């Protein structure tokens, strides 16, 4: 299981929501089965529906749009 807090803490270079999306997509592509939203990302560009966006890139990858 990938925890959002572990991803954020483990990658201090991630400083935008867009960069977090890349990281979460990579976690999904690496074989992680579940993503736990145990924290809210505290970036200036974090959208209101951030959970939906991260779940989508985790399960479908970045080419979902």
N, C-alpha and C. Protein backbone atom coordinates (compact mmCIF):
# COMPACT_ATOMS: atom_id res chain seq x y z
N UNK A 1 0.84 -1.18 0.00
CA UNK A 1 0.00 0.00 0.00
C UNK A 1 0.89 1.24 0.00
N UNK A 2 0.54 2.17 -0.85
CA UNK A 2 1.26 3.44 -0.90
C UNK A 2 0.51 4.45 -0.05
N UNK A 3 1.19 5.02 0.91
CA UNK A 3 0.60 6.09 1.73
C UNK A 3 1.09 7.42 1.17
N UNK A 4 0.16 8.34 1.04
CA UNK A 4 0.52 9.64 0.48
C UNK A 4 1.58 10.33 1.32
N UNK A 5 1.48 10.21 2.63
CA UNK A 5 2.49 10.84 3.50
C UNK A 5 3.87 10.25 3.26
N UNK A 6 3.97 8.94 3.07
CA UNK A 6 5.26 8.31 2.81
C UNK A 6 5.85 8.79 1.48
N UNK A 7 5.00 8.94 0.48
CA UNK A 7 5.48 9.43 -0.82
C UNK A 7 6.01 10.86 -0.71
N UNK A 8 5.26 11.70 0.00
CA UNK A 8 5.67 13.10 0.15
C UNK A 8 6.95 13.23 0.99
N UNK A 9 7.01 12.52 2.11
CA UNK A 9 8.19 12.59 2.98
C UNK A 9 9.41 11.98 2.29
N UNK A 10 9.20 10.91 1.56
CA UNK A 10 10.31 10.23 0.89
C UNK A 10 10.87 10.96 -0.31
N UNK A 11 10.15 11.98 -0.77
CA UNK A 11 10.58 12.74 -1.95
C UNK A 11 10.46 14.24 -1.67
N UNK A 12 11.40 14.78 -0.90
CA UNK A 12 11.33 16.21 -0.54
C UNK A 12 11.48 17.14 -1.75
N UNK A 13 11.93 16.63 -2.88
CA UNK A 13 12.06 17.46 -4.07
C UNK A 13 10.69 17.78 -4.69
N UNK A 14 9.68 17.03 -4.32
CA UNK A 14 8.33 17.27 -4.82
C UNK A 14 7.77 18.49 -4.11
N UNK A 15 7.55 19.56 -4.88
CA UNK A 15 7.08 20.81 -4.26
C UNK A 15 5.86 21.41 -4.95
N UNK A 16 5.25 20.64 -5.87
CA UNK A 16 4.02 21.08 -6.52
C UNK A 16 3.08 19.89 -6.64
N UNK A 17 1.80 20.19 -6.81
CA UNK A 17 0.84 19.11 -6.99
C UNK A 17 1.10 18.36 -8.29
N UNK A 18 1.51 19.08 -9.32
CA UNK A 18 1.83 18.43 -10.60
C UNK A 18 2.94 17.41 -10.44
N UNK A 19 3.95 17.74 -9.67
CA UNK A 19 5.05 16.80 -9.41
C UNK A 19 4.55 15.62 -8.58
N UNK A 20 3.64 15.88 -7.65
CA UNK A 20 3.06 14.80 -6.85
C UNK A 20 2.26 13.85 -7.72
N UNK A 21 1.55 14.38 -8.70
CA UNK A 21 0.81 13.53 -9.63
C UNK A 21 1.75 12.56 -10.35
N UNK A 22 2.91 13.05 -10.78
CA UNK A 22 3.90 12.17 -11.42
C UNK A 22 4.36 11.08 -10.48
N UNK A 23 4.62 11.43 -9.25
CA UNK A 23 5.08 10.48 -8.25
C UNK A 23 4.02 9.42 -7.96
N UNK A 24 2.78 9.85 -7.82
CA UNK A 24 1.68 8.92 -7.55
C UNK A 24 1.44 8.01 -8.75
N UNK A 25 1.52 8.55 -9.96
CA UNK A 25 1.37 7.73 -11.16
C UNK A 25 2.46 6.66 -11.21
N UNK A 26 3.67 7.04 -10.88
CA UNK A 26 4.77 6.08 -10.87
C UNK A 26 4.53 4.98 -9.84
N UNK A 27 4.01 5.35 -8.68
CA UNK A 27 3.71 4.34 -7.65
C UNK A 27 2.68 3.35 -8.16
N UNK A 28 1.67 3.83 -8.86
CA UNK A 28 0.67 2.94 -9.42
C UNK A 28 1.23 2.04 -10.50
N UNK A 29 2.11 2.58 -11.32
CA UNK A 29 2.73 1.80 -12.39
C UNK A 29 3.74 0.79 -11.85
N UNK A 30 4.24 1.04 -10.64
CA UNK A 30 5.25 0.17 -10.04
C UNK A 30 4.65 -1.05 -9.37
N UNK A 31 3.33 -1.17 -9.39
CA UNK A 31 2.70 -2.36 -8.84
C UNK A 31 1.98 -2.17 -7.51
N UNK A 32 2.01 -0.96 -6.96
CA UNK A 32 1.24 -0.72 -5.74
C UNK A 32 -0.23 -0.93 -6.06
N UNK A 33 -0.95 -1.55 -5.14
CA UNK A 33 -2.36 -1.88 -5.39
C UNK A 33 -3.32 -0.85 -4.80
N UNK A 34 -2.91 -0.20 -3.71
CA UNK A 34 -3.80 0.72 -3.02
C UNK A 34 -3.06 2.01 -2.69
N UNK A 35 -3.80 3.10 -2.64
CA UNK A 35 -3.27 4.40 -2.27
C UNK A 35 -4.08 4.92 -1.10
N UNK A 36 -3.41 5.22 0.00
CA UNK A 36 -4.08 5.73 1.19
C UNK A 36 -3.87 7.24 1.30
N UNK A 37 -4.97 7.97 1.42
CA UNK A 37 -4.92 9.42 1.57
C UNK A 37 -4.90 9.74 3.06
N UNK A 38 -3.74 9.66 3.67
CA UNK A 38 -3.62 9.90 5.11
C UNK A 38 -3.26 11.34 5.44
N UNK A 39 -2.94 12.14 4.43
CA UNK A 39 -2.69 13.57 4.59
C UNK A 39 -3.22 14.30 3.36
N UNK A 40 -3.46 15.59 3.53
CA UNK A 40 -3.83 16.44 2.39
C UNK A 40 -2.56 17.13 1.91
N UNK A 41 -2.27 17.06 0.60
CA UNK A 41 -1.09 17.76 0.08
C UNK A 41 -1.20 19.26 0.32
N UNK A 42 -0.13 19.85 0.81
CA UNK A 42 -0.14 21.27 1.16
C UNK A 42 0.69 22.07 0.17
N UNK A 43 0.30 21.99 -1.11
CA UNK A 43 0.98 22.75 -2.15
C UNK A 43 0.06 23.87 -2.61
N UNK A 44 0.64 24.94 -3.10
CA UNK A 44 -0.18 26.09 -3.55
C UNK A 44 -1.11 25.71 -4.68
N UNK A 45 -0.71 24.74 -5.52
CA UNK A 45 -1.51 24.38 -6.69
C UNK A 45 -2.41 23.16 -6.45
N UNK A 46 -2.59 22.75 -5.20
CA UNK A 46 -3.46 21.60 -4.91
C UNK A 46 -4.91 21.97 -5.23
N UNK A 47 -5.54 21.21 -6.14
CA UNK A 47 -6.92 21.52 -6.51
C UNK A 47 -7.92 21.06 -5.45
N UNK A 48 -9.14 21.55 -5.56
CA UNK A 48 -10.18 21.17 -4.60
C UNK A 48 -10.47 19.67 -4.63
N UNK A 49 -10.51 19.10 -5.81
CA UNK A 49 -10.80 17.66 -5.93
C UNK A 49 -9.51 16.85 -6.07
N UNK A 50 -8.58 17.12 -5.17
CA UNK A 50 -7.25 16.49 -5.26
C UNK A 50 -7.32 14.98 -5.09
N UNK A 51 -8.21 14.47 -4.25
CA UNK A 51 -8.28 13.02 -4.05
C UNK A 51 -8.64 12.32 -5.35
N UNK A 52 -9.62 12.87 -6.05
CA UNK A 52 -10.06 12.28 -7.31
C UNK A 52 -8.93 12.28 -8.33
N UNK A 53 -8.21 13.39 -8.43
CA UNK A 53 -7.12 13.49 -9.40
C UNK A 53 -6.02 12.48 -9.10
N UNK A 54 -5.64 12.36 -7.81
CA UNK A 54 -4.58 11.42 -7.47
C UNK A 54 -5.02 9.97 -7.65
N UNK A 55 -6.25 9.66 -7.31
CA UNK A 55 -6.76 8.30 -7.51
C UNK A 55 -6.77 7.94 -8.99
N UNK A 56 -7.12 8.91 -9.82
CA UNK A 56 -7.17 8.67 -11.26
C UNK A 56 -5.79 8.40 -11.83
N UNK A 57 -4.80 9.22 -11.49
CA UNK A 57 -3.46 8.98 -12.04
C UNK A 57 -2.85 7.72 -11.44
N UNK A 58 -3.22 7.37 -10.21
CA UNK A 58 -2.71 6.14 -9.59
C UNK A 58 -3.22 4.91 -10.34
N UNK A 59 -4.50 4.92 -10.72
CA UNK A 59 -5.07 3.73 -11.35
C UNK A 59 -4.94 3.72 -12.87
N UNK A 60 -4.94 4.90 -13.50
CA UNK A 60 -4.93 4.96 -14.97
C UNK A 60 -3.64 5.47 -15.57
N UNK A 61 -2.81 6.09 -14.78
CA UNK A 61 -1.60 6.70 -15.30
C UNK A 61 -1.84 8.14 -15.72
N UNK A 62 -0.83 8.77 -16.24
CA UNK A 62 -0.92 10.20 -16.56
C UNK A 62 -1.68 10.49 -17.85
N UNK A 63 -1.87 9.54 -18.70
CA UNK A 63 -2.53 9.79 -19.98
C UNK A 63 -4.04 9.69 -19.91
N UNK A 64 -4.64 9.96 -18.76
CA UNK A 64 -6.08 9.79 -18.60
C UNK A 64 -6.89 10.93 -19.18
N UNK A 65 -6.31 12.08 -19.39
CA UNK A 65 -7.10 13.25 -19.83
C UNK A 65 -7.30 13.29 -21.31
